[in-house]
């Protein structure tokens, strides 16, 4: 399996987090060999192909998805909904492994710049309250792994290979999760109108006569 793009070896020195030691190379293929769980290997292969390579953030997404499934007692293939709190890497495992996409409205992104997700199962018909779990990569826990913490806090140069290797070793111990009940919003009625400026049809988000694109152009709405 080709897990990196391109396939490059990097130097690592586990004694000194920021100093390379000659003769010690770490490649992603070597890191992956540490894993004996065949399903996790399958997940890594799919995510690597979809994302382009196995980034640290993508691997974190895999671990978060697996935690969410266990905590919510969700079977593989069971419908999930996720809100990712960053655009970077984290959403991709949920797209390719759980079928959560922006288009099918099972993936939302709130770009708070946090390595965190909120996951819930589909609610039964007529039920507005549903159990969910928020999972975060906890800096108080990554501090137990100096190189991983340096990657997380951007206080030192740490490769994906090194960070993923440490995440494999740490497992779920570097995550904190909280179970909570959330109220699902009602499904709004879709209203279609013709923009008073460009003449194109659009879904109305408010009572205005202009589409959002035209409102941005004339300075009524900022991006």
Protein backbone atom coordinates (compact mmCIF):
# COMPACT_ATOMS: atom_id res chain seq x y z
CA UNK A 1 0.00 0.00 0.00
CA UNK A 2 1.19 3.50 -0.78
CA UNK A 3 0.29 5.68 2.19
CA UNK A 4 2.28 8.80 1.41
CA UNK A 5 2.54 11.23 -1.45
CA UNK A 6 5.35 11.36 -2.17
CA UNK A 7 7.05 8.43 -0.41
CA UNK A 8 9.74 10.18 1.61
CA UNK A 9 11.70 9.06 4.64
CA UNK A 10 12.45 11.52 7.41
CA UNK A 11 15.00 11.44 10.19
CA UNK A 12 13.82 11.05 13.76
CA UNK A 13 15.39 10.99 17.18
CA UNK A 14 13.09 9.92 19.98
CA UNK A 15 15.59 11.09 22.60
CA UNK A 16 15.59 14.68 21.37
CA UNK A 17 12.30 15.86 19.84
CA UNK A 18 13.90 18.46 17.61
CA UNK A 19 17.27 17.00 16.61
CA UNK A 20 17.71 14.49 13.81
CA UNK A 21 20.05 11.57 14.39
CA UNK A 22 21.95 10.19 11.43
CA UNK A 23 21.13 6.64 10.43
CA UNK A 24 17.61 6.56 11.90
CA UNK A 25 14.90 6.89 9.28
CA UNK A 26 11.14 6.71 9.70
CA UNK A 27 8.80 6.17 6.75
CA UNK A 28 5.02 6.03 6.87
CA UNK A 29 5.07 2.43 5.64
CA UNK A 30 7.24 1.54 8.64
CA UNK A 31 4.82 3.36 10.94
CA UNK A 32 1.83 1.48 9.51
CA UNK A 33 3.56 -1.85 10.16
CA UNK A 34 3.02 -1.25 13.88
CA UNK A 35 -0.73 -1.73 13.37
CA UNK A 36 -2.19 -5.23 13.66
CA UNK A 37 -5.88 -4.25 13.51
CA UNK A 38 -6.93 -5.21 9.98
CA UNK A 39 -9.97 -2.92 9.97
CA UNK A 40 -7.85 0.07 11.00
CA UNK A 41 -5.47 -0.77 8.16
CA UNK A 42 -8.45 -0.84 5.79
CA UNK A 43 -9.57 2.56 7.09
CA UNK A 44 -6.08 4.01 6.64
CA UNK A 45 -5.88 2.74 3.06
CA UNK A 46 -9.23 4.31 2.12
CA UNK A 47 -8.50 7.62 3.84
CA UNK A 48 -4.99 7.83 2.37
CA UNK A 49 -6.36 7.33 -1.13
CA UNK A 50 -9.16 9.85 -0.62
CA UNK A 51 -7.13 12.51 1.19
CA UNK A 52 -4.01 12.03 -0.95
CA UNK A 53 -1.76 10.82 1.86
CA UNK A 54 -2.02 9.93 5.54
CA UNK A 55 -1.75 13.25 7.33
CA UNK A 56 -1.77 13.52 11.10
CA UNK A 57 -5.13 15.29 11.03
CA UNK A 58 -6.64 12.58 8.84
CA UNK A 59 -5.45 9.87 11.23
CA UNK A 60 -6.92 11.84 14.13
CA UNK A 61 -10.21 11.84 12.22
CA UNK A 62 -10.08 8.05 11.93
CA UNK A 63 -9.49 7.69 15.66
CA UNK A 64 -12.29 10.14 16.48
CA UNK A 65 -14.72 8.29 14.20
CA UNK A 66 -13.91 5.00 15.91
CA UNK A 67 -14.36 6.56 19.36
CA UNK A 68 -17.71 8.03 18.30
CA UNK A 69 -18.96 4.71 16.97
CA UNK A 70 -18.01 2.95 20.19
CA UNK A 71 -19.43 5.60 22.53
CA UNK A 72 -22.69 5.96 20.58
CA UNK A 73 -22.95 2.20 20.01
CA UNK A 74 -23.23 2.83 16.28
CA UNK A 75 -22.90 -0.13 13.96
CA UNK A 76 -20.65 0.11 10.92
CA UNK A 77 -22.76 1.49 8.11
CA UNK A 78 -25.19 3.16 10.53
CA UNK A 79 -26.05 6.72 9.59
CA UNK A 80 -24.00 9.35 11.41
CA UNK A 81 -23.98 13.14 11.45
CA UNK A 82 -20.83 15.09 12.26
CA UNK A 83 -19.83 18.68 12.88
CA UNK A 84 -16.10 19.21 12.44
CA UNK A 85 -14.56 22.21 14.15
CA UNK A 86 -11.84 22.68 11.51
CA UNK A 87 -11.57 22.44 7.74
CA UNK A 88 -8.09 20.93 7.94
CA UNK A 89 -7.92 17.17 7.23
CA UNK A 90 -10.37 16.15 9.98
CA UNK A 91 -13.54 16.00 7.83
CA UNK A 92 -12.14 13.60 5.22
CA UNK A 93 -12.30 10.32 7.22
CA UNK A 94 -15.94 11.04 8.04
CA UNK A 95 -16.66 11.56 4.35
CA UNK A 96 -15.02 8.43 2.96
CA UNK A 97 -15.61 6.07 5.91
CA UNK A 98 -19.01 7.21 7.21
CA UNK A 99 -20.57 8.78 4.12
CA UNK A 100 -20.95 12.17 5.81
CA UNK A 101 -20.75 14.90 3.19
CA UNK A 102 -21.78 18.52 2.90
CA UNK A 103 -24.04 17.60 -0.02
CA UNK A 104 -26.10 15.05 1.95
CA UNK A 105 -26.13 17.42 4.96
CA UNK A 106 -24.51 14.86 7.26
CA UNK A 107 -21.32 16.93 7.50
CA UNK A 108 -21.14 20.45 8.86
CA UNK A 109 -17.97 22.44 9.36
CA UNK A 110 -17.67 25.14 11.99
CA UNK A 111 -14.17 26.45 11.43
CA UNK A 112 -13.19 27.21 15.02
CA UNK A 113 -9.66 25.97 14.29
CA UNK A 114 -10.03 23.14 16.81
CA UNK A 115 -9.21 19.45 16.55
CA UNK A 116 -12.70 18.50 17.68
CA UNK A 117 -15.88 16.92 16.35
CA UNK A 118 -19.47 16.48 17.48
CA UNK A 119 -21.08 13.24 16.28
CA UNK A 120 -24.62 11.89 16.59
CA UNK A 121 -26.71 9.14 15.07
CA UNK A 122 -29.87 9.78 13.09
CA UNK A 123 -32.85 10.65 15.27
CA UNK A 124 -35.98 8.48 15.14
CA UNK A 125 -38.90 10.06 13.29
CA UNK A 126 -40.54 12.75 15.40
CA UNK A 127 -37.72 12.91 17.96
CA UNK A 128 -35.98 16.27 18.36
CA UNK A 129 -33.55 15.37 21.16
CA UNK A 130 -30.65 13.09 20.26
CA UNK A 131 -27.56 11.89 22.11
CA UNK A 132 -24.25 13.10 20.73
CA UNK A 133 -20.59 13.03 21.67
CA UNK A 134 -18.02 15.80 21.38
CA UNK A 135 -14.46 14.54 21.02
CA UNK A 136 -11.37 16.73 21.26
CA UNK A 137 -7.66 16.10 20.99
CA UNK A 138 -6.79 17.20 24.52
CA UNK A 139 -3.59 19.28 24.90
CA UNK A 140 -3.42 18.36 28.59
CA UNK A 141 -3.09 14.73 27.47
CA UNK A 142 -0.87 15.20 24.42
CA UNK A 143 1.61 16.86 26.80
CA UNK A 144 2.48 13.34 27.94
CA UNK A 145 3.94 12.81 24.44
CA UNK A 146 6.37 15.73 23.91
CA UNK A 147 6.78 15.31 20.15
CA UNK A 148 3.06 14.88 19.55
CA UNK A 149 2.40 17.91 21.74
CA UNK A 150 4.99 19.89 19.77
CA UNK A 151 3.17 18.98 16.54
CA UNK A 152 -0.18 19.95 18.06
CA UNK A 153 0.96 23.29 19.48
CA UNK A 154 3.31 24.03 16.55
CA UNK A 155 6.25 24.56 18.91
CA UNK A 156 8.62 22.36 16.92
CA UNK A 157 8.98 20.71 13.53
CA UNK A 158 7.45 17.24 13.73
CA UNK A 159 6.69 15.11 10.69
CA UNK A 160 3.42 13.34 9.96
CA UNK A 161 5.27 10.04 10.30
CA UNK A 162 6.43 10.84 13.81
CA UNK A 163 3.08 12.26 14.92
CA UNK A 164 1.05 9.35 13.51
CA UNK A 165 3.43 6.86 15.13
CA UNK A 166 2.86 8.50 18.50
CA UNK A 167 -0.91 8.58 17.97
CA UNK A 168 -0.85 4.84 17.29
CA UNK A 169 1.03 4.31 20.55
CA UNK A 170 -1.24 6.64 22.52
CA UNK A 171 -4.52 5.29 21.15
CA UNK A 172 -7.56 6.92 22.77
CA UNK A 173 -5.57 8.18 25.76
CA UNK A 174 -4.98 11.62 24.19
CA UNK A 175 -8.66 12.33 23.59
CA UNK A 176 -11.35 13.70 25.85
CA UNK A 177 -15.00 13.22 25.03
CA UNK A 178 -18.28 14.41 26.50
CA UNK A 179 -21.68 12.84 25.93
CA UNK A 180 -24.54 15.30 25.64
CA UNK A 181 -28.08 15.58 24.33
CA UNK A 182 -28.62 18.09 21.54
CA UNK A 183 -31.85 19.46 20.10
CA UNK A 184 -32.12 19.04 16.37
CA UNK A 185 -33.32 22.07 14.40
CA UNK A 186 -36.54 21.81 12.48
CA UNK A 187 -36.35 21.49 8.72
CA UNK A 188 -37.04 24.94 7.25
CA UNK A 189 -39.32 25.37 4.29
CA UNK A 190 -37.32 25.99 1.12
CA UNK A 191 -38.34 29.24 -0.56
CA UNK A 192 -37.15 29.99 -4.10
CA UNK A 193 -37.09 33.52 -5.49
CA UNK A 194 -35.62 35.50 -8.39
CA UNK A 195 -32.90 37.95 -7.43
CA UNK A 196 -33.91 41.56 -8.02
CA UNK A 197 -30.39 42.38 -9.21
CA UNK A 198 -29.02 39.48 -11.29
CA UNK A 199 -32.32 37.77 -12.09
CA UNK A 200 -31.08 34.32 -11.09
CA UNK A 201 -33.11 31.97 -8.92
CA UNK A 202 -31.88 31.38 -5.38
CA UNK A 203 -32.94 29.86 -2.07
CA UNK A 204 -34.07 32.68 0.21
CA UNK A 205 -32.33 32.83 3.58
CA UNK A 206 -34.16 35.96 4.69
CA UNK A 207 -36.84 38.35 3.46
CA UNK A 208 -34.49 40.32 1.20
CA UNK A 209 -35.02 40.61 -2.56
CA UNK A 210 -31.36 40.00 -3.44
CA UNK A 211 -29.33 36.79 -3.50
CA UNK A 212 -26.37 36.53 -1.13
CA UNK A 213 -23.86 36.89 -3.98
CA UNK A 214 -25.33 40.22 -5.07
CA UNK A 215 -25.57 41.39 -1.47
CA UNK A 216 -21.84 40.72 -1.10
CA UNK A 217 -21.04 42.54 -4.35
CA UNK A 218 -22.86 45.71 -3.33
CA UNK A 219 -21.41 45.58 0.18
CA UNK A 220 -24.62 44.75 2.04
CA UNK A 221 -23.16 41.45 3.20
CA UNK A 222 -19.51 40.78 3.98
CA UNK A 223 -17.91 37.38 3.37
